C-alpha atoms as a PDB file:
ATOM      1  CA  MET A   1    -163.110  13.204 -79.722  1.00  0.00           C
ATOM      2  CA  PRO A   2    -160.402  10.479 -79.247  1.00  0.00           C
ATOM      3  CA  GLU A   3    -157.313  11.199 -80.179  1.00  0.00           C
ATOM      4  CA  GLU A   4    -155.932   9.249 -83.156  1.00  0.00           C
ATOM      5  CA  PRO A   5    -153.114   6.739 -82.193  1.00  0.00           C
ATOM      6  CA  LYS A   6    -149.498   8.143 -82.891  1.00  0.00           C
ATOM      7  CA  PRO A   7    -147.505   5.568 -84.491  1.00  0.00           C
ATOM      8  CA  GLY A   8    -144.185   4.677 -83.263  1.00  0.00           C
ATOM      9  CA  PRO A   9    -141.310   2.466 -83.698  1.00  0.00           C
ATOM     10  CA  LEU A  10    -141.908  -1.103 -84.363  1.00  0.00           C
ATOM     11  CA  GLY A  11    -145.669  -0.866 -84.272  1.00  0.00           C
ATOM     12  CA  THR A  12    -146.797   0.619 -81.063  1.00  0.00           C
ATOM     13  CA  ALA A  13    -148.791   4.005 -80.307  1.00  0.00           C
ATOM     14  CA  MET A  14    -148.552   6.282 -77.379  1.00  0.00           C
ATOM     15  CA  ARG A  15    -151.549   6.762 -75.393  1.00  0.00           C
ATOM     16  CA  LYS A  16    -152.781   9.494 -72.812  1.00  0.00           C
ATOM     17  CA  VAL A  17    -154.362   7.441 -70.034  1.00  0.00           C
ATOM     18  CA  THR A  18    -156.000   7.982 -66.418  1.00  0.00           C
ATOM     19  CA  PHE A  19    -154.783   5.736 -63.798  1.00  0.00           C
ATOM     20  CA  PRO A  20    -157.471   4.931 -60.733  1.00  0.00           C
ATOM     21  CA  ASP A  21    -155.819   7.746 -58.734  1.00  0.00           C
ATOM     22  CA  GLY A  22    -156.992  10.520 -60.962  1.00  0.00           C
ATOM     23  CA  SER A  23    -153.114  10.994 -62.167  1.00  0.00           C
ATOM     24  CA  ARG A  24    -152.435  11.273 -65.956  1.00  0.00           C
ATOM     25  CA  GLY A  25    -149.551   9.535 -67.963  1.00  0.00           C
ATOM     26  CA  ILE A  26    -148.654   8.201 -71.255  1.00  0.00           C
ATOM     27  CA  ILE A  27    -148.193   4.355 -71.841  1.00  0.00           C
ATOM     28  CA  LEU A  28    -147.252   2.525 -75.228  1.00  0.00           C
ATOM     29  CA  VAL A  29    -149.438  -0.054 -76.703  1.00  0.00           C
ATOM     30  CA  ASP A  30    -149.887  -1.597 -79.693  1.00  0.00           C
ATOM     31  CA  ALA A  31    -150.604   0.437 -82.743  1.00  0.00           C
ATOM     32  CA  GLY A  32    -154.656   0.354 -83.077  1.00  0.00           C
ATOM     33  CA  THR A  33    -155.336  -0.715 -79.629  1.00  0.00           C
ATOM     34  CA  PRO A  34    -158.446   0.942 -78.870  1.00  0.00           C
ATOM     35  CA  GLN A  35    -158.542   3.843 -76.175  1.00  0.00           C
ATOM     36  CA  GLU A  36    -160.627   1.511 -73.828  1.00  0.00           C
ATOM     37  CA  ASP A  37    -158.004  -1.441 -73.948  1.00  0.00           C
ATOM     38  CA  ALA A  38    -155.454   1.368 -73.049  1.00  0.00           C
ATOM     39  CA  ASP A  39    -157.270   2.684 -69.979  1.00  0.00           C
ATOM     40  CA  LEU A  40    -157.410  -1.039 -68.910  1.00  0.00           C
ATOM     41  CA  LEU A  41    -153.802  -1.959 -69.241  1.00  0.00           C
ATOM     42  CA  ALA A  42    -152.974   1.533 -67.343  1.00  0.00           C
ATOM     43  CA  ALA A  43    -155.360   0.616 -64.605  1.00  0.00           C
ATOM     44  CA  GLN A  44    -153.565  -3.236 -64.463  1.00  0.00           C
ATOM     45  CA  VAL A  45    -150.118  -1.608 -64.599  1.00  0.00           C
ATOM     46  CA  TRP A  46    -151.296   0.632 -61.440  1.00  0.00           C
ATOM     47  CA  ALA A  47    -152.369  -1.845 -59.313  1.00  0.00           C
ATOM     48  CA  GLU A  48    -149.454  -4.009 -60.084  1.00  0.00           C
ATOM     49  CA  MET A  49    -147.002  -1.015 -58.917  1.00  0.00           C
ATOM     50  CA  PRO A  50    -145.548  -1.527 -55.302  1.00  0.00           C
ATOM     51  CA  GLU A  51    -146.603   0.501 -52.515  1.00  0.00           C
ATOM     52  CA  PRO A  52    -144.264   3.289 -51.706  1.00  0.00           C
ATOM     53  CA  GLY A  53    -141.754   2.740 -49.122  1.00  0.00           C
ATOM     54  CA  VAL A  54    -141.928  -1.005 -49.544  1.00  0.00           C
ATOM     55  CA  PRO A  55    -138.709  -2.803 -51.340  1.00  0.00           C
ATOM     56  CA  ASN A  56    -139.369  -4.872 -54.351  1.00  0.00           C
ATOM     57  CA  GLU A  57    -139.183  -8.711 -53.422  1.00  0.00           C
END
């Protein structure tokens, strides 16, 4: 059973997500965001992260 969103400041909610590499984390999303959308956002954030050891441009 999916967990209910936890209300946070200014209409945000914390969601547990699994990133594409299998690691787990927590992200902040707008309150009421479906878990599927939170997982998609987590995948997008993961894809945009720079490679380890590569300086940001």
